[in-house]
């Protein structure tokens, strides 16, 4: 058994190094090369694979161990595209896949080629062992998660739903081990906020900048509206995931948002930082665009506002609140997208699998539910198939604060110990859910 564990550790490390060395910066993505690498690796282990691509350069891999047909279907979800890396900011080649002091360095090591490699190794190793699941075990490595231009998970669920339909799904989003109040917890995301950015377009009247009195400067008119949005304190709400998190950590179920923050601060500053954005909608003006010439007063000013909504909240509710903040005026609001905002039940066989693994891998630790402040591709599967989807890829060698600073940043890296831990959990989840 020890030999097998060592072999899997080396296997996942080397596969991640190969994946990092394939530049899948999105845009343009070019994820097909990564999908082909995974296909070749998995087919060598006896796993059947298919590539699905809206355009040839941007393939999604779907691999499968077929089930007997008398059990649920479990899908390991991941994405192969990565964000831009500026080599001048790095201490190593961002696409070198260097192994240094027990960590694999490179763009995507944490987000999320490390999990891609672990999922691939988990299903490959099970296939080599002759694993015969009750229901299908699927591994899906998608394109285009970082931009969402219609080549990845959303397109797969719509165009090839039969290939990725699943009862349970494990994805990115959480899994960090945190110390809170002297006890250890592994965070497991069961829901996510909705990404709902919008454009605020302020209208004025153009004119020559040398004669400002005869114009109506839209940029100047936008300034107090931006300030109002930035200063607004949204009404707080208590969502089930935060209630469950606080009760897990403190033993006391909170009854109000104020009580949540008081309890969280009493445990640890980290807990308060985690739950505060999960108590309300957020509004963050991030971009402004007005005149394209120095000497022309702009007739319009477009302000882009990043906004995240609590699960269940709608963009109509969001815009009603925003109009209340801004009051009457010569402006218009346009929703730019509305993705996410979905949740899964917390009492499920998949939760039981997470809990059992935590108790075995780290005696005394407990799983703790959380809502993701951003969003992931899990929501496409929840919406399309009613899938129970959790974000859980366990990590304990790298502190959560360190990982948060490295994702989408320079010197991104992942400990080999955490890759091995991820493979262990994924194998356990498949055997727990599909062995009956």
Protein backbone atom coordinates (compact mmCIF):
# COMPACT_ATOMS: atom_id res chain seq x y z
CA UNK A 1 0.00 0.00 0.00
CA UNK A 2 2.85 2.37 0.84
CA UNK A 3 4.33 1.75 -2.59
CA UNK A 4 1.00 2.61 -4.23
CA UNK A 5 0.70 5.88 -2.28
CA UNK A 6 4.25 6.87 -3.24
CA UNK A 7 3.51 5.98 -6.85
CA UNK A 8 0.36 8.13 -6.91
CA UNK A 9 2.23 11.03 -5.33
CA UNK A 10 4.84 10.92 -8.08
CA UNK A 11 2.19 10.35 -10.74
CA UNK A 12 0.10 13.38 -9.82
CA UNK A 13 3.20 15.54 -9.49
CA UNK A 14 4.53 14.65 -12.93
CA UNK A 15 1.12 15.00 -14.59
CA UNK A 16 0.68 18.47 -13.09
CA UNK A 17 4.12 19.49 -14.31
CA UNK A 18 3.19 18.42 -17.84
CA UNK A 19 -0.11 20.31 -17.67
CA UNK A 20 1.54 23.52 -16.46
CA UNK A 21 4.02 23.36 -19.35
CA UNK A 22 1.09 23.62 -21.77
CA UNK A 23 0.22 27.31 -21.96
CA UNK A 24 -3.57 27.52 -21.78
CA UNK A 25 -3.81 31.22 -20.95
CA UNK A 26 -7.38 32.36 -21.61
CA UNK A 27 -7.78 34.14 -23.94
CA UNK A 28 -7.12 32.46 -26.31
CA UNK A 29 -7.19 29.25 -24.24
CA UNK A 30 -5.93 26.58 -26.65
CA UNK A 31 -7.07 23.96 -24.14
CA UNK A 32 -7.13 21.14 -26.71
CA UNK A 33 -3.45 20.33 -26.10
CA UNK A 34 -4.18 19.82 -22.40
CA UNK A 35 -7.26 17.73 -23.19
CA UNK A 36 -5.20 15.52 -25.52
CA UNK A 37 -2.51 15.04 -22.88
CA UNK A 38 -5.15 13.93 -20.38
CA UNK A 39 -6.82 11.65 -22.94
CA UNK A 40 -3.54 9.88 -23.71
CA UNK A 41 -2.76 9.46 -20.01
CA UNK A 42 -6.23 8.12 -19.15
CA UNK A 43 -6.53 5.79 -22.13
CA UNK A 44 -3.26 4.17 -21.07
CA UNK A 45 -5.04 3.33 -17.80
CA UNK A 46 -8.03 1.86 -19.62
CA UNK A 47 -10.40 4.83 -19.16
CA UNK A 48 -12.63 5.66 -22.13
CA UNK A 49 -12.42 9.30 -23.24
CA UNK A 50 -14.17 11.69 -25.58
CA UNK A 51 -13.24 15.21 -26.65
CA UNK A 52 -16.05 17.71 -27.19
CA UNK A 53 -15.16 21.01 -28.83
CA UNK A 54 -17.22 23.92 -30.06
CA UNK A 55 -14.14 24.96 -32.04
CA UNK A 56 -11.12 22.68 -32.58
CA UNK A 57 -8.70 24.66 -30.41
CA UNK A 58 -10.89 24.57 -27.30
CA UNK A 59 -11.70 20.97 -26.45
CA UNK A 60 -13.31 19.64 -23.30
CA UNK A 61 -12.36 16.16 -22.10
CA UNK A 62 -14.98 13.76 -20.73
CA UNK A 63 -13.62 10.47 -19.35
CA UNK A 64 -15.71 7.69 -17.86
CA UNK A 65 -15.67 4.43 -15.96
CA UNK A 66 -19.13 3.05 -16.82
CA UNK A 67 -21.29 1.90 -13.94
CA UNK A 68 -23.50 -1.14 -13.59
CA UNK A 69 -26.55 1.11 -13.78
CA UNK A 70 -27.88 0.58 -10.27
CA UNK A 71 -26.23 3.55 -8.56
CA UNK A 72 -25.80 7.34 -8.78
CA UNK A 73 -23.42 9.11 -11.12
CA UNK A 74 -20.44 11.05 -9.73
CA UNK A 75 -18.53 13.63 -11.77
CA UNK A 76 -15.12 15.13 -11.00
CA UNK A 77 -15.17 18.62 -12.55
CA UNK A 78 -12.20 20.85 -13.34
CA UNK A 79 -10.98 23.34 -15.93
CA UNK A 80 -7.74 23.46 -17.90
CA UNK A 81 -7.56 27.16 -18.81
CA UNK A 82 -5.58 29.64 -16.73
CA UNK A 83 -5.27 33.41 -16.35
CA UNK A 84 -2.44 35.55 -17.71
CA UNK A 85 1.00 35.29 -16.08
CA UNK A 86 3.56 38.10 -16.39
CA UNK A 87 6.92 36.31 -16.28
CA UNK A 88 8.70 39.48 -15.09
CA UNK A 89 6.79 39.25 -11.79
CA UNK A 90 7.68 35.60 -11.11
CA UNK A 91 10.62 33.95 -9.33
CA UNK A 92 10.31 30.96 -11.70
CA UNK A 93 9.09 30.30 -15.23
CA UNK A 94 5.28 30.47 -14.90
CA UNK A 95 5.00 27.68 -17.48
CA UNK A 96 8.01 25.68 -16.32
CA UNK A 97 6.27 23.32 -13.90
CA UNK A 98 9.33 23.38 -11.67
CA UNK A 99 9.41 21.16 -8.57
CA UNK A 100 11.01 23.19 -5.80
CA UNK A 101 11.13 22.27 -2.09
CA UNK A 102 8.17 19.93 -2.36
CA UNK A 103 6.00 22.37 -4.32
CA UNK A 104 5.08 22.49 -8.02
CA UNK A 105 5.41 26.04 -9.37
CA UNK A 106 3.51 27.50 -12.29
CA UNK A 107 0.40 29.21 -13.50
CA UNK A 108 -2.59 27.06 -12.69
CA UNK A 109 -0.92 25.08 -9.90
CA UNK A 110 -3.70 26.16 -7.55
CA UNK A 111 -6.33 27.36 -10.03
CA UNK A 112 -6.79 24.67 -11.04
CA UNK A 113 -4.46 22.33 -12.87
CA UNK A 114 -3.46 20.77 -9.55
CA UNK A 115 -7.00 19.53 -9.10
CA UNK A 116 -7.18 18.55 -12.78
CA UNK A 117 -4.15 16.30 -12.27
CA UNK A 118 -5.49 14.85 -9.01
CA UNK A 119 -8.87 14.02 -10.55
CA UNK A 120 -7.21 12.38 -13.53
CA UNK A 121 -4.92 10.30 -11.30
CA UNK A 122 -7.81 9.32 -9.04
CA UNK A 123 -9.93 7.92 -11.87
CA UNK A 124 -6.91 6.36 -13.64
CA UNK A 125 -5.76 4.57 -10.50
CA UNK A 126 -9.26 3.25 -9.81
CA UNK A 127 -9.50 1.98 -13.38
CA UNK A 128 -6.17 0.16 -13.08
CA UNK A 129 -7.44 -1.51 -9.91
CA UNK A 130 -10.51 -2.78 -11.74
CA UNK A 131 -12.99 -0.53 -9.94
CA UNK A 132 -16.54 -1.41 -10.99
CA UNK A 133 -18.86 1.38 -9.83
CA UNK A 134 -22.61 1.05 -9.33
CA UNK A 135 -23.07 4.24 -11.33
CA UNK A 136 -20.83 6.05 -13.80
CA UNK A 137 -17.68 7.76 -12.54
CA UNK A 138 -16.95 10.71 -14.85
CA UNK A 139 -14.00 13.07 -15.08
CA UNK A 140 -14.62 16.31 -16.96
CA UNK A 141 -11.80 18.79 -17.70
CA UNK A 142 -13.38 21.81 -19.34
CA UNK A 143 -12.20 24.79 -21.32
CA UNK A 144 -12.98 28.44 -20.77
CA UNK A 145 -13.89 28.69 -17.09
CA UNK A 146 -11.83 31.84 -16.51
CA UNK A 147 -13.61 33.89 -19.21
CA UNK A 148 -16.84 32.02 -19.82
CA UNK A 149 -17.15 32.82 -23.52
CA UNK A 150 -19.27 29.75 -24.26
CA UNK A 151 -16.73 27.02 -24.97
CA UNK A 152 -16.75 25.12 -21.68
CA UNK A 153 -19.12 23.84 -19.02
CA UNK A 154 -22.15 25.89 -20.05
CA UNK A 155 -21.88 24.66 -23.65
CA UNK A 156 -21.30 21.05 -22.53
CA UNK A 157 -24.40 21.04 -20.34
CA UNK A 158 -26.50 22.44 -23.18
CA UNK A 159 -25.05 20.67 -26.22
CA UNK A 160 -23.87 17.37 -24.69
CA UNK A 161 -25.96 17.01 -21.57
CA UNK A 162 -26.11 13.22 -21.79
CA UNK A 163 -22.31 13.06 -21.58
CA UNK A 164 -22.05 15.08 -18.35
CA UNK A 165 -25.38 14.53 -16.59
CA UNK A 166 -24.64 13.56 -12.99
CA UNK A 167 -26.22 13.16 -9.58
CA UNK A 168 -23.18 14.30 -7.61
CA UNK A 169 -20.30 16.58 -8.54
CA UNK A 170 -17.00 17.55 -6.93
CA UNK A 171 -15.43 20.80 -8.10
CA UNK A 172 -13.15 23.60 -6.99
CA UNK A 173 -14.20 26.28 -4.53
CA UNK A 174 -13.02 25.13 -1.12
CA UNK A 175 -11.33 22.40 0.89
CA UNK A 176 -8.89 24.46 2.95
CA UNK A 177 -8.03 23.32 6.46
CA UNK A 178 -8.45 26.18 8.91
CA UNK A 179 -7.82 26.52 12.62
CA UNK A 180 -10.71 28.28 14.35
CA UNK A 181 -10.94 28.58 18.12
CA UNK A 182 -8.33 25.90 18.60
CA UNK A 183 -10.12 23.33 16.44
CA UNK A 184 -9.52 22.19 12.86
CA UNK A 185 -12.11 22.42 10.09
CA UNK A 186 -12.12 21.63 6.37
CA UNK A 187 -14.27 24.09 4.46
CA UNK A 188 -16.67 22.59 1.93
CA UNK A 189 -18.58 24.94 -0.37
CA UNK A 190 -22.20 23.94 -0.92
CA UNK A 191 -23.43 27.15 -2.57
CA UNK A 192 -22.17 30.26 -4.31
CA UNK A 193 -23.10 33.87 -4.77
CA UNK A 194 -24.25 35.11 -8.16
CA UNK A 195 -21.91 37.17 -10.30
CA UNK A 196 -24.18 39.98 -11.48
CA UNK A 197 -22.13 42.95 -12.77
CA UNK A 198 -23.99 45.82 -14.34
CA UNK A 199 -23.29 48.97 -16.33
CA UNK A 200 -24.33 52.38 -15.09
CA UNK A 201 -24.56 54.73 -18.08
CA UNK A 202 -24.80 58.40 -17.14
CA UNK A 203 -26.03 60.83 -19.81
CA UNK A 204 -24.97 64.43 -20.35
CA UNK A 205 -24.21 66.71 -23.30
CA UNK A 206 -20.89 66.97 -25.10
CA UNK A 207 -18.98 70.13 -25.78
CA UNK A 208 -15.53 71.64 -26.13
CA UNK A 209 -13.54 71.31 -22.94
CA UNK A 210 -12.49 74.97 -23.17
CA UNK A 211 -16.13 76.03 -22.69
CA UNK A 212 -17.47 73.75 -19.91
CA UNK A 213 -20.42 76.00 -19.20
CA UNK A 214 -22.24 75.11 -22.41
CA UNK A 215 -21.89 71.35 -21.91
CA UNK A 216 -23.26 68.87 -19.37
CA UNK A 217 -20.31 66.72 -18.26
CA UNK A 218 -21.44 63.10 -17.86
CA UNK A 219 -18.19 62.20 -16.09
CA UNK A 220 -18.78 64.85 -13.43
CA UNK A 221 -22.40 63.73 -13.06
CA UNK A 222 -21.23 60.16 -12.58
CA UNK A 223 -18.88 61.02 -9.71
CA UNK A 224 -21.50 61.34 -6.93
CA UNK A 225 -23.28 58.23 -8.18
CA UNK A 226 -20.05 56.23 -7.99
CA UNK A 227 -19.44 57.59 -4.51
CA UNK A 228 -22.96 56.63 -3.43
CA UNK A 229 -22.52 53.07 -4.67
CA UNK A 230 -19.16 52.76 -2.95
CA UNK A 231 -20.49 54.08 0.35
CA UNK A 232 -23.67 51.98 0.42
CA UNK A 233 -23.97 49.40 3.19
CA UNK A 234 -26.36 46.71 1.93
CA UNK A 235 -28.91 45.20 4.26
CA UNK A 236 -27.53 42.01 5.76
CA UNK A 237 -29.27 38.63 5.69
CA UNK A 238 -28.61 35.32 7.36
CA UNK A 239 -28.33 32.49 4.82
CA UNK A 240 -28.51 28.79 5.78
CA UNK A 241 -24.88 28.10 4.88
CA UNK A 242 -23.60 30.79 7.26
CA UNK A 243 -25.93 29.59 10.01
CA UNK A 244 -24.57 26.06 9.61
CA UNK A 245 -20.95 27.24 9.50
CA UNK A 246 -21.24 29.25 12.70
CA UNK A 247 -23.13 26.47 14.47
CA UNK A 248 -20.46 23.95 13.43
CA UNK A 249 -17.68 26.13 14.82
CA UNK A 250 -19.35 27.56 17.95
CA UNK A 251 -22.06 25.02 18.77
CA UNK A 252 -24.64 27.83 18.81
CA UNK A 253 -26.95 28.53 15.88
CA UNK A 254 -27.10 32.30 15.23
CA UNK A 255 -30.38 34.14 14.79
CA UNK A 256 -29.26 37.40 13.12
CA UNK A 257 -26.44 38.81 10.98
CA UNK A 258 -25.19 40.91 13.90
CA UNK A 259 -25.01 37.80 16.03
CA UNK A 260 -23.08 36.01 13.29
CA UNK A 261 -20.39 38.67 13.17
CA UNK A 262 -20.15 38.86 16.95
CA UNK A 263 -19.76 35.09 17.22
CA UNK A 264 -17.26 34.98 14.35
CA UNK A 265 -15.10 37.76 15.80
CA UNK A 266 -15.15 35.98 19.12
CA UNK A 267 -13.66 32.88 17.50
CA UNK A 268 -11.07 34.32 15.09
CA UNK A 269 -10.61 37.35 12.78
CA UNK A 270 -10.30 34.90 9.85
CA UNK A 271 -13.82 33.59 10.46
CA UNK A 272 -15.26 37.10 10.48
CA UNK A 273 -13.44 37.89 7.21
CA UNK A 274 -14.90 34.74 5.67
CA UNK A 275 -18.53 35.34 6.62
CA UNK A 276 -18.88 39.11 6.21
CA UNK A 277 -19.22 39.07 2.38
CA UNK A 278 -21.71 36.20 2.73
CA UNK A 279 -24.23 38.34 4.61
CA UNK A 280 -25.24 40.70 1.82
CA UNK A 281 -25.07 41.76 -1.79
CA UNK A 282 -21.85 43.59 -2.68
CA UNK A 283 -21.45 46.62 -4.96
CA UNK A 284 -17.95 47.52 -6.18
CA UNK A 285 -17.48 50.14 -8.92
CA UNK A 286 -14.38 48.97 -10.81
CA UNK A 287 -14.21 50.64 -14.25
CA UNK A 288 -15.19 53.96 -15.82
CA UNK A 289 -15.12 55.09 -19.44
CA UNK A 290 -16.01 58.57 -20.69
CA UNK A 291 -14.43 60.87 -23.29
CA UNK A 292 -11.76 59.48 -25.57
CA UNK A 293 -10.22 62.92 -26.12
CA UNK A 294 -8.78 65.32 -23.58
CA UNK A 295 -10.53 68.37 -25.04
CA UNK A 296 -14.01 66.86 -25.46
CA UNK A 297 -16.49 66.90 -22.58
CA UNK A 298 -18.21 63.48 -22.57
CA UNK A 299 -21.89 63.11 -23.34
CA UNK A 300 -21.94 59.68 -21.66
CA UNK A 301 -19.98 58.00 -18.92
CA UNK A 302 -20.11 54.22 -18.50
CA UNK A 303 -19.34 52.82 -15.05
CA UNK A 304 -18.93 49.06 -14.60
CA UNK A 305 -19.97 47.80 -11.19
CA UNK A 306 -19.00 44.34 -9.96
CA UNK A 307 -21.84 42.93 -7.88
CA UNK A 308 -22.30 39.59 -6.12
CA UNK A 309 -25.76 38.51 -4.98
CA UNK A 310 -26.71 36.07 -2.27
CA UNK A 311 -28.13 32.72 -3.44
CA UNK A 312 -31.76 33.18 -4.42
CA UNK A 313 -31.54 36.94 -5.01
CA UNK A 314 -32.52 38.20 -8.49
CA UNK A 315 -31.09 40.94 -10.70
CA UNK A 316 -34.49 42.69 -10.57
CA UNK A 317 -34.13 42.96 -6.80
CA UNK A 318 -30.56 44.18 -7.27
CA UNK A 319 -31.57 46.94 -9.69
CA UNK A 320 -34.41 48.07 -7.45
CA UNK A 321 -31.92 48.52 -4.61
CA UNK A 322 -29.44 50.32 -6.87
CA UNK A 323 -32.08 52.76 -8.12
CA UNK A 324 -32.96 53.46 -4.51
CA UNK A 325 -29.32 54.29 -3.81
CA UNK A 326 -28.90 56.53 -6.87
CA UNK A 327 -32.32 58.23 -6.82
CA UNK A 328 -33.77 59.88 -9.90
CA UNK A 329 -31.37 61.00 -12.60
CA UNK A 330 -30.34 60.87 -16.23
CA UNK A 331 -28.88 57.38 -16.20
CA UNK A 332 -29.70 53.80 -17.15
CA UNK A 333 -28.75 50.43 -15.71
CA UNK A 334 -27.91 47.38 -17.83
CA UNK A 335 -27.22 43.92 -16.45
CA UNK A 336 -24.05 42.45 -17.99
CA UNK A 337 -24.44 38.86 -16.81
CA UNK A 338 -26.09 36.78 -14.11
CA UNK A 339 -24.18 33.58 -13.37
CA UNK A 340 -24.20 31.49 -10.23
CA UNK A 341 -26.31 32.06 -7.16
CA UNK A 342 -27.14 28.35 -6.75
CA UNK A 343 -26.96 26.03 -3.77
CA UNK A 344 -27.04 22.34 -2.93
CA UNK A 345 -28.45 20.58 0.10
CA UNK A 346 -26.05 20.04 2.98
CA UNK A 347 -27.44 16.70 4.16
CA UNK A 348 -26.58 14.34 1.31
CA UNK A 349 -24.54 11.17 0.70
CA UNK A 350 -21.81 13.38 -0.78
CA UNK A 351 -21.62 15.35 2.48
CA UNK A 352 -21.39 12.04 4.33
CA UNK A 353 -18.46 11.06 2.10
CA UNK A 354 -16.68 14.35 2.79
CA UNK A 355 -17.29 13.98 6.53
CA UNK A 356 -16.06 10.38 6.66
CA UNK A 357 -12.88 11.26 4.76
CA UNK A 358 -12.11 14.22 7.06
CA UNK A 359 -12.57 12.08 10.17
CA UNK A 360 -10.19 9.45 8.78
CA UNK A 361 -7.57 11.71 7.22
CA UNK A 362 -7.40 14.20 10.09
CA UNK A 363 -8.85 12.76 13.32
CA UNK A 364 -10.53 15.46 15.39
CA UNK A 365 -11.16 17.75 12.43
CA UNK A 366 -14.65 18.44 11.08
CA UNK A 367 -16.09 19.53 7.73
CA UNK A 368 -17.73 22.97 7.73
CA UNK A 369 -20.13 24.23 5.03
CA UNK A 370 -19.55 27.55 3.34
CA UNK A 371 -20.89 29.66 0.48
CA UNK A 372 -18.38 30.76 -2.18
CA UNK A 373 -18.15 34.55 -2.41
CA UNK A 374 -17.41 34.22 -6.13
CA UNK A 375 -18.83 31.56 -8.42
CA UNK A 376 -17.75 28.36 -10.16
CA UNK A 377 -18.91 26.15 -13.00
CA UNK A 378 -20.91 24.06 -10.51
CA UNK A 379 -23.95 26.23 -11.09
CA UNK A 380 -24.35 25.03 -14.69
CA UNK A 381 -24.82 21.47 -13.46
CA UNK A 382 -27.13 22.41 -10.60
CA UNK A 383 -29.32 24.35 -13.03
CA UNK A 384 -29.27 21.78 -15.85
CA UNK A 385 -29.58 18.52 -13.93
CA UNK A 386 -30.38 19.30 -10.29
CA UNK A 387 -26.91 18.02 -9.40
CA UNK A 388 -25.67 18.04 -5.81
CA UNK A 389 -22.41 19.93 -6.34
CA UNK A 390 -19.76 20.67 -3.72
CA UNK A 391 -16.47 22.51 -3.96
CA UNK A 392 -13.96 20.40 -2.04
CA UNK A 393 -10.30 19.81 -2.80
CA UNK A 394 -8.57 19.35 0.56
CA UNK A 395 -5.50 21.43 1.40
CA UNK A 396 -3.60 21.46 4.68
CA UNK A 397 0.10 21.96 3.83
CA UNK A 398 -0.45 25.50 2.52
CA UNK A 399 -2.33 27.96 4.77
CA UNK A 400 -5.51 29.44 3.32
CA UNK A 401 -4.11 32.97 3.62
CA UNK A 402 -1.06 32.03 1.50
CA UNK A 403 -3.12 30.27 -1.16
CA UNK A 404 -5.49 33.25 -1.43
CA UNK A 405 -2.55 35.55 -2.21
CA UNK A 406 -1.10 33.21 -4.86
CA UNK A 407 -4.21 32.43 -6.92
CA UNK A 408 -4.19 34.60 -10.09
CA UNK A 409 -0.93 36.11 -8.81
CA UNK A 410 2.82 35.67 -9.24
CA UNK A 411 4.71 32.61 -7.93
CA UNK A 412 1.61 30.41 -7.84
CA UNK A 413 2.49 26.97 -6.51
CA UNK A 414 0.98 23.95 -4.79
CA UNK A 415 2.51 21.54 -2.26
CA UNK A 416 2.87 17.96 -3.47
CA UNK A 417 1.45 16.91 -0.10
CA UNK A 418 -1.84 18.63 -0.97
CA UNK A 419 -1.96 17.01 -4.41
CA UNK A 420 -1.60 13.63 -2.72
CA UNK A 421 -4.28 14.59 -0.20
CA UNK A 422 -6.63 15.50 -3.05
CA UNK A 423 -6.13 12.17 -4.78
CA UNK A 424 -6.88 10.41 -1.50
CA UNK A 425 -10.17 12.25 -1.06
CA UNK A 426 -11.33 11.79 -4.64
CA UNK A 427 -10.67 8.05 -4.53
CA UNK A 428 -12.53 7.84 -1.23
CA UNK A 429 -15.52 9.79 -2.58
CA UNK A 430 -15.84 7.53 -5.62
CA UNK A 431 -15.57 4.35 -3.57
CA UNK A 432 -17.97 5.66 -0.91
CA UNK A 433 -20.70 6.80 -3.30
CA UNK A 434 -20.39 4.20 -6.05
CA UNK A 435 -19.36 0.93 -4.42
CA UNK A 436 -22.77 -0.18 -3.17
